[in-house]
Amino acid sequence: QFRLPPPPAVDSPRDRADVAEVRAYGAVDSTVRTAAQTETAQFWFQGSLVGFTGPLRAAVTQAGGSAARRTALVAAFHVILVDTQIATSDTKYAYLRWRPITAIRATADPQWTPLHATPAHPDYPSGHSSYAGAAEAVLTAFAGPSAREPFTATSPTAPGVTRTYQRWADLTKDNVDARVWSGIHTRTADEAGAVLGGQVARFGLARFASLLG
């Protein structure tokens, strides 16, 4: 139902650009990735459900309203994220696109190593970015494009680092960038994931409308 179109053909101009970006910015010994980009990659290396608990809590506590509506948001959020994972896996295993590490080692640099270890499932689309796109859509439907006030996020994979967010879209953007800078996803896979997550969320939100209205 939500399966994405195929990824760019291997060795197409878009594919070559994607792989070149990951090779340069996602290498463990990258000379072009900035300290801020490395920190973003490390921060969002955390699991998605963990990473979005803080934003969800901010939306629930700041928005006010009835306890029933806030409870419905939490329920809708988690149901939609589970559905997003199902849709993501469907597309991943329909196309079986190799990860950047495989593409780079097979065609350019047999010794290339990413900043973070590559997960054992296909590249396209990115699960983290799919979750981010879904979360953004759900939180936007509930609270508008931004939290009422800035909130602070933390990460178990970046101890001592805090990030301040207000716009839900900024969470998605950081997830898209982070997976490239980690060396584990192409930008196409990340951007497609965010689109997929949004599609699943809008479908799910229509079914929760009576509870969230």
C-alpha atoms as a PDB file:
ATOM      1  CA  GLN A   1       0.000   0.000   0.000  1.00  0.00           C
ATOM      2  CA  PHE A   2       2.789   2.439   0.833  1.00  0.00           C
ATOM      3  CA  ARG A   3       5.633   0.900  -1.148  1.00  0.00           C
ATOM      4  CA  LEU A   4       7.905   3.579  -2.551  1.00  0.00           C
ATOM      5  CA  PRO A   5       9.040   3.777  -6.182  1.00  0.00           C
ATOM      6  CA  PRO A   6      12.391   2.075  -6.856  1.00  0.00           C
ATOM      7  CA  PRO A   7      15.604   3.824  -5.812  1.00  0.00           C
ATOM      8  CA  PRO A   8      17.807   5.374  -8.495  1.00  0.00           C
ATOM      9  CA  ALA A   9      19.508   2.805 -10.693  1.00  0.00           C
ATOM     10  CA  VAL A  10      22.945   1.711  -9.576  1.00  0.00           C
ATOM     11  CA  ASP A  11      25.589   3.924 -11.219  1.00  0.00           C
ATOM     12  CA  SER A  12      23.014   6.500 -12.330  1.00  0.00           C
ATOM     13  CA  PRO A  13      24.028  10.151 -11.804  1.00  0.00           C
ATOM     14  CA  ARG A  14      21.922  10.400  -8.633  1.00  0.00           C
ATOM     15  CA  ASP A  15      23.325   7.146  -7.271  1.00  0.00           C
ATOM     16  CA  ARG A  16      26.905   8.207  -7.961  1.00  0.00           C
ATOM     17  CA  ALA A  17      26.315  11.534  -6.218  1.00  0.00           C
ATOM     18  CA  ASP A  18      24.746   9.792  -3.226  1.00  0.00           C
ATOM     19  CA  VAL A  19      27.592   7.330  -2.836  1.00  0.00           C
ATOM     20  CA  ALA A  20      30.214  10.044  -3.285  1.00  0.00           C
ATOM     21  CA  GLU A  21      28.604  12.122  -0.534  1.00  0.00           C
ATOM     22  CA  VAL A  22      28.593   9.225   1.914  1.00  0.00           C
ATOM     23  CA  ARG A  23      32.146   8.264   0.996  1.00  0.00           C
ATOM     24  CA  ALA A  24      33.356  11.785   1.768  1.00  0.00           C
ATOM     25  CA  TYR A  25      31.198  12.760   4.736  1.00  0.00           C
ATOM     26  CA  GLY A  26      30.437   9.402   6.309  1.00  0.00           C
ATOM     27  CA  ALA A  27      33.915   7.912   6.594  1.00  0.00           C
ATOM     28  CA  VAL A  28      35.296   7.236  10.040  1.00  0.00           C
ATOM     29  CA  ASP A  29      38.361   9.276   9.057  1.00  0.00           C
ATOM     30  CA  SER A  30      36.515  11.925   7.011  1.00  0.00           C
ATOM     31  CA  THR A  31      38.457  15.123   6.450  1.00  0.00           C
ATOM     32  CA  VAL A  32      35.397  17.134   5.356  1.00  0.00           C
ATOM     33  CA  ARG A  33      32.814  16.289   8.031  1.00  0.00           C
ATOM     34  CA  THR A  34      32.755  19.027  10.657  1.00  0.00           C
ATOM     35  CA  ALA A  35      32.720  18.512  14.406  1.00  0.00           C
ATOM     36  CA  ALA A  36      29.108  19.719  14.468  1.00  0.00           C
ATOM     37  CA  GLN A  37      28.152  17.192  11.802  1.00  0.00           C
ATOM     38  CA  THR A  38      29.883  14.410  13.707  1.00  0.00           C
ATOM     39  CA  GLU A  39      27.981  15.410  16.834  1.00  0.00           C
ATOM     40  CA  THR A  40      24.683  15.307  14.925  1.00  0.00           C
ATOM     41  CA  ALA A  41      25.482  11.828  13.631  1.00  0.00           C
ATOM     42  CA  GLN A  42      26.385  10.646  17.118  1.00  0.00           C
ATOM     43  CA  PHE A  43      23.317  12.237  18.702  1.00  0.00           C
ATOM     44  CA  TRP A  44      20.857  10.618  16.294  1.00  0.00           C
ATOM     45  CA  PHE A  45      22.559   7.236  16.311  1.00  0.00           C
ATOM     46  CA  GLN A  46      20.173   6.502  19.182  1.00  0.00           C
ATOM     47  CA  GLY A  47      17.093   4.390  18.553  1.00  0.00           C
ATOM     48  CA  SER A  48      14.225   6.285  16.986  1.00  0.00           C
ATOM     49  CA  LEU A  49      11.633   5.477  19.636  1.00  0.00           C
ATOM     50  CA  VAL A  50      14.030   6.676  22.316  1.00  0.00           C
ATOM     51  CA  GLY A  51      14.905   9.789  20.348  1.00  0.00           C
ATOM     52  CA  PHE A  52      11.312  10.841  19.793  1.00  0.00           C
ATOM     53  CA  THR A  53      10.086  10.243  23.327  1.00  0.00           C
ATOM     54  CA  GLY A  54      11.298  13.704  24.357  1.00  0.00           C
ATOM     55  CA  PRO A  55       9.582  15.555  21.493  1.00  0.00           C
ATOM     56  CA  LEU A  56       6.381  13.599  22.104  1.00  0.00           C
ATOM     57  CA  ARG A  57       6.508  14.484  25.789  1.00  0.00           C
ATOM     58  CA  ALA A  58       7.024  18.148  24.914  1.00  0.00           C
ATOM     59  CA  ALA A  59       4.001  18.120  22.614  1.00  0.00           C
ATOM     60  CA  VAL A  60       1.813  16.443  25.224  1.00  0.00           C
ATOM     61  CA  THR A  61       2.828  18.648  28.141  1.00  0.00           C
ATOM     62  CA  GLN A  62       2.806  21.952  26.258  1.00  0.00           C
ATOM     63  CA  ALA A  63      -0.389  21.501  24.272  1.00  0.00           C
ATOM     64  CA  GLY A  64      -2.710  21.102  27.217  1.00  0.00           C
ATOM     65  CA  GLY A  65      -6.246  19.997  26.441  1.00  0.00           C
ATOM     66  CA  SER A  66      -8.114  17.066  27.874  1.00  0.00           C
ATOM     67  CA  ALA A  67      -6.386  14.003  29.236  1.00  0.00           C
ATOM     68  CA  ALA A  68      -8.320  11.942  26.699  1.00  0.00           C
ATOM     69  CA  ARG A  69      -6.934  13.931  23.753  1.00  0.00           C
ATOM     70  CA  ARG A  70      -3.385  13.740  25.064  1.00  0.00           C
ATOM     71  CA  THR A  71      -3.731  10.008  25.640  1.00  0.00           C
ATOM     72  CA  ALA A  72      -5.029   9.636  22.096  1.00  0.00           C
ATOM     73  CA  LEU A  73      -1.940  11.429  20.791  1.00  0.00           C
ATOM     74  CA  VAL A  74       0.389   9.013  22.572  1.00  0.00           C
ATOM     75  CA  ALA A  75      -1.591   6.041  21.249  1.00  0.00           C
ATOM     76  CA  ALA A  76      -1.745   7.381  17.692  1.00  0.00           C
ATOM     77  CA  PHE A  77       1.949   8.254  17.731  1.00  0.00           C
ATOM     78  CA  HIS A  78       3.040   4.735  18.638  1.00  0.00           C
ATOM     79  CA  VAL A  79       0.561   2.905  16.417  1.00  0.00           C
ATOM     80  CA  ILE A  80       1.607   5.020  13.441  1.00  0.00           C
ATOM     81  CA  LEU A  81       5.305   4.479  14.123  1.00  0.00           C
ATOM     82  CA  VAL A  82       4.772   0.713  14.208  1.00  0.00           C
ATOM     83  CA  ASP A  83       2.891   0.924  10.903  1.00  0.00           C
ATOM     84  CA  THR A  84       5.750   3.017   9.533  1.00  0.00           C
ATOM     85  CA  GLN A  85       8.246   0.309  10.436  1.00  0.00           C
ATOM     86  CA  ILE A  86       6.131  -2.261   8.588  1.00  0.00           C
ATOM     87  CA  ALA A  87       5.930  -0.066   5.492  1.00  0.00           C
ATOM     88  CA  THR A  88       9.655   0.681   5.671  1.00  0.00           C
ATOM     89  CA  SER A  89      10.572  -2.991   5.836  1.00  0.00           C
ATOM     90  CA  ASP A  90       8.252  -3.742   2.920  1.00  0.00           C
ATOM     91  CA  THR A  91      10.099  -1.289   0.682  1.00  0.00           C
ATOM     92  CA  LYS A  92      13.535  -2.295   1.976  1.00  0.00           C
ATOM     93  CA  TYR A  93      13.055  -5.938   1.102  1.00  0.00           C
ATOM     94  CA  ALA A  94      11.226  -5.254  -2.151  1.00  0.00           C
ATOM     95  CA  TYR A  95      14.320  -3.557  -3.608  1.00  0.00           C
ATOM     96  CA  LEU A  96      17.214  -4.910  -1.504  1.00  0.00           C
ATOM     97  CA  ARG A  97      19.400  -1.886  -2.244  1.00  0.00           C
ATOM     98  CA  TRP A  98      22.939  -2.327  -1.003  1.00  0.00           C
ATOM     99  CA  ARG A  99      24.291  -0.088   1.717  1.00  0.00           C
ATOM    100  CA  PRO A 100      26.900   2.596   1.013  1.00  0.00           C
ATOM    101  CA  ILE A 101      29.654   0.497   2.602  1.00  0.00           C
ATOM    102  CA  THR A 102      29.025  -2.287   0.082  1.00  0.00           C
ATOM    103  CA  ALA A 103      28.832   0.070  -2.876  1.00  0.00           C
ATOM    104  CA  ILE A 104      31.978   1.956  -1.894  1.00  0.00           C
ATOM    105  CA  ARG A 105      34.045  -1.122  -1.124  1.00  0.00           C
ATOM    106  CA  ALA A 106      32.952  -2.831  -4.339  1.00  0.00           C
ATOM    107  CA  THR A 107      33.618   0.090  -6.662  1.00  0.00           C
ATOM    108  CA  ALA A 108      36.033   2.577  -5.126  1.00  0.00           C
ATOM    109  CA  ASP A 109      37.765   1.798  -1.834  1.00  0.00           C
ATOM    110  CA  PRO A 110      37.918  -1.741  -0.407  1.00  0.00           C
ATOM    111  CA  GLN A 111      39.125  -0.388   2.950  1.00  0.00           C
ATOM    112  CA  TRP A 112      36.481   2.306   3.418  1.00  0.00           C
ATOM    113  CA  THR A 113      34.898   2.321   6.880  1.00  0.00           C
ATOM    114  CA  PRO A 114      31.857   4.328   8.022  1.00  0.00           C
ATOM    115  CA  LEU A 115      31.716   6.425  11.168  1.00  0.00           C
ATOM    116  CA  HIS A 116      29.135   4.055  12.641  1.00  0.00           C
ATOM    117  CA  ALA A 117      28.561   0.348  12.148  1.00  0.00           C
ATOM    118  CA  THR A 118      26.170  -0.433   9.307  1.00  0.00           C
ATOM    119  CA  PRO A 119      22.908  -2.172  10.321  1.00  0.00           C
ATOM    120  CA  ALA A 120      22.168  -5.544   8.735  1.00  0.00           C
ATOM    121  CA  HIS A 121      19.260  -4.567   6.495  1.00  0.00           C
ATOM    122  CA  PRO A 122      18.925  -2.764   3.146  1.00  0.00           C
ATOM    123  CA  ASP A 123      19.604   0.916   2.554  1.00  0.00           C
ATOM    124  CA  TYR A 124      16.390   2.125   0.936  1.00  0.00           C
ATOM    125  CA  PRO A 125      14.543   3.661   2.677  1.00  0.00           C
ATOM    126  CA  SER A 126      16.085   4.757   5.967  1.00  0.00           C
ATOM    127  CA  GLY A 127      14.180   3.559   9.011  1.00  0.00           C
ATOM    128  CA  HIS A 128      15.323   6.461  11.182  1.00  0.00           C
ATOM    129  CA  SER A 129      14.174   8.971   8.586  1.00  0.00           C
ATOM    130  CA  SER A 130      10.876   7.137   8.114  1.00  0.00           C
ATOM    131  CA  TYR A 131      10.236   7.369  11.848  1.00  0.00           C
ATOM    132  CA  ALA A 132      11.177  11.052  11.774  1.00  0.00           C
ATOM    133  CA  GLY A 133       8.801  11.815   8.911  1.00  0.00           C
ATOM    134  CA  ALA A 134       5.970   9.997  10.655  1.00  0.00           C
ATOM    135  CA  ALA A 135       6.660  11.678  13.989  1.00  0.00           C
ATOM    136  CA  GLU A 136       6.780  15.100  12.342  1.00  0.00           C
ATOM    137  CA  ALA A 137       3.402  14.538  10.691  1.00  0.00           C
ATOM    138  CA  VAL A 138       1.727  13.303  13.880  1.00  0.00           C
ATOM    139  CA  LEU A 139       3.119  16.077  16.060  1.00  0.00           C
ATOM    140  CA  THR A 140       2.210  18.697  13.459  1.00  0.00           C
ATOM    141  CA  ALA A 141      -1.363  17.426  13.293  1.00  0.00           C
ATOM    142  CA  PHE A 142      -1.620  17.643  17.071  1.00  0.00           C
ATOM    143  CA  ALA A 143       0.300  20.815  17.891  1.00  0.00           C
ATOM    144  CA  GLY A 144       1.009  22.675  14.652  1.00  0.00           C
ATOM    145  CA  PRO A 145       4.443  22.925  12.986  1.00  0.00           C
ATOM    146  CA  SER A 146       6.247  23.770  16.224  1.00  0.00           C
ATOM    147  CA  ALA A 147       6.158  23.138  19.922  1.00  0.00           C
ATOM    148  CA  ARG A 148       4.777  26.092  21.874  1.00  0.00           C
ATOM    149  CA  GLU A 149       8.149  26.547  23.519  1.00  0.00           C
ATOM    150  CA  PRO A 150      11.658  25.260  22.727  1.00  0.00           C
ATOM    151  CA  PHE A 151      12.486  21.961  24.394  1.00  0.00           C
ATOM    152  CA  THR A 152      15.740  20.196  25.185  1.00  0.00           C
ATOM    153  CA  ALA A 153      16.549  16.756  23.795  1.00  0.00           C
ATOM    154  CA  THR A 154      19.217  14.322  24.987  1.00  0.00           C
ATOM    155  CA  SER A 155      20.675  11.126  23.565  1.00  0.00           C
ATOM    156  CA  PRO A 156      22.111   7.969  25.147  1.00  0.00           C
ATOM    157  CA  THR A 157      24.572   7.757  22.247  1.00  0.00           C
ATOM    158  CA  ALA A 158      25.895  11.278  22.886  1.00  0.00           C
ATOM    159  CA  PRO A 159      26.273  11.558  26.674  1.00  0.00           C
ATOM    160  CA  GLY A 160      26.432  15.124  27.913  1.00  0.00           C
ATOM    161  CA  VAL A 161      25.169  16.601  24.642  1.00  0.00           C
ATOM    162  CA  THR A 162      21.868  18.475  24.581  1.00  0.00           C
ATOM    163  CA  ARG A 163      19.979  19.897  21.635  1.00  0.00           C
ATOM    164  CA  THR A 164      17.249  22.491  21.627  1.00  0.00           C
ATOM    165  CA  TYR A 165      14.389  22.125  19.161  1.00  0.00           C
ATOM    166  CA  GLN A 166      11.073  23.789  18.494  1.00  0.00           C
ATOM    167  CA  ARG A 167      10.133  23.027  14.868  1.00  0.00           C
ATOM    168  CA  TRP A 168       9.276  19.360  14.315  1.00  0.00           C
ATOM    169  CA  ALA A 169      10.728  19.573  10.789  1.00  0.00           C
ATOM    170  CA  ASP A 170      14.160  20.261  12.270  1.00  0.00           C
ATOM    171  CA  LEU A 171      14.101  16.824  13.903  1.00  0.00           C
ATOM    172  CA  THR A 172      13.489  15.251  10.510  1.00  0.00           C
ATOM    173  CA  LYS A 173      16.226  17.290   8.861  1.00  0.00           C
ATOM    174  CA  ASP A 174      18.754  16.270  11.500  1.00  0.00           C
ATOM    175  CA  ASN A 175      17.816  12.604  11.103  1.00  0.00           C
ATOM    176  CA  VAL A 176      18.219  12.782   7.319  1.00  0.00           C
ATOM    177  CA  ASP A 177      21.628  14.422   7.617  1.00  0.00           C
ATOM    178  CA  ALA A 178      22.784  12.247  10.499  1.00  0.00           C
ATOM    179  CA  ARG A 179      22.437   8.971   8.634  1.00  0.00           C
ATOM    180  CA  VAL A 180      24.568  10.301   5.770  1.00  0.00           C
ATOM    181  CA  TRP A 181      27.204  11.630   8.165  1.00  0.00           C
ATOM    182  CA  SER A 182      27.189   8.304  10.014  1.00  0.00           C
ATOM    183  CA  GLY A 183      28.111   6.663   6.713  1.00  0.00           C
ATOM    184  CA  ILE A 184      25.223   4.213   6.824  1.00  0.00           C
ATOM    185  CA  HIS A 185      22.586   5.608   4.425  1.00  0.00           C
ATOM    186  CA  THR A 186      22.448   7.508   1.167  1.00  0.00           C
ATOM    187  CA  ARG A 187      20.637  10.826   1.145  1.00  0.00           C
ATOM    188  CA  THR A 188      18.100   9.395  -1.286  1.00  0.00           C
ATOM    189  CA  ALA A 189      17.266   6.635   1.192  1.00  0.00           C
ATOM    190  CA  ASP A 190      16.901   9.207   3.968  1.00  0.00           C
ATOM    191  CA  GLU A 191      14.717  11.607   2.019  1.00  0.00           C
ATOM    192  CA  ALA A 192      12.540   8.779   0.718  1.00  0.00           C
ATOM    193  CA  GLY A 193      12.137   7.487   4.250  1.00  0.00           C
ATOM    194  CA  ALA A 194      10.876  10.850   5.471  1.00  0.00           C
ATOM    195  CA  VAL A 195       8.332  10.926   2.647  1.00  0.00           C
ATOM    196  CA  LEU A 196       7.180   7.392   3.432  1.00  0.00           C
ATOM    197  CA  GLY A 197       6.772   8.165   7.116  1.00  0.00           C
ATOM    198  CA  GLY A 198       4.639  11.177   6.302  1.00  0.00           C
ATOM    199  CA  GLN A 199       2.415   9.126   4.008  1.00  0.00           C
ATOM    200  CA  VAL A 200       1.826   6.436   6.615  1.00  0.00           C
ATOM    201  CA  ALA A 201       1.159   9.060   9.276  1.00  0.00           C
ATOM    202  CA  ARG A 202      -1.460  10.884   7.238  1.00  0.00           C
ATOM    203  CA  PHE A 203      -3.249   7.604   6.564  1.00  0.00           C
ATOM    204  CA  GLY A 204      -3.194   6.712  10.247  1.00  0.00           C
ATOM    205  CA  LEU A 205      -4.192  10.175  11.415  1.00  0.00           C
ATOM    206  CA  ALA A 206      -7.369  10.022   9.352  1.00  0.00           C
ATOM    207  CA  ARG A 207      -8.390   7.038  11.455  1.00  0.00           C
ATOM    208  CA  PHE A 208      -7.569   8.773  14.719  1.00  0.00           C
ATOM    209  CA  ALA A 209      -9.250  12.036  13.719  1.00  0.00           C
ATOM    210  CA  SER A 210     -12.258  11.628  15.983  1.00  0.00           C
ATOM    211  CA  LEU A 211      -9.985  11.143  18.993  1.00  0.00           C
ATOM    212  CA  LEU A 212      -7.508  13.908  18.179  1.00  0.00           C
ATOM    213  CA  GLY A 213     -10.010  16.536  17.071  1.00  0.00           C
END
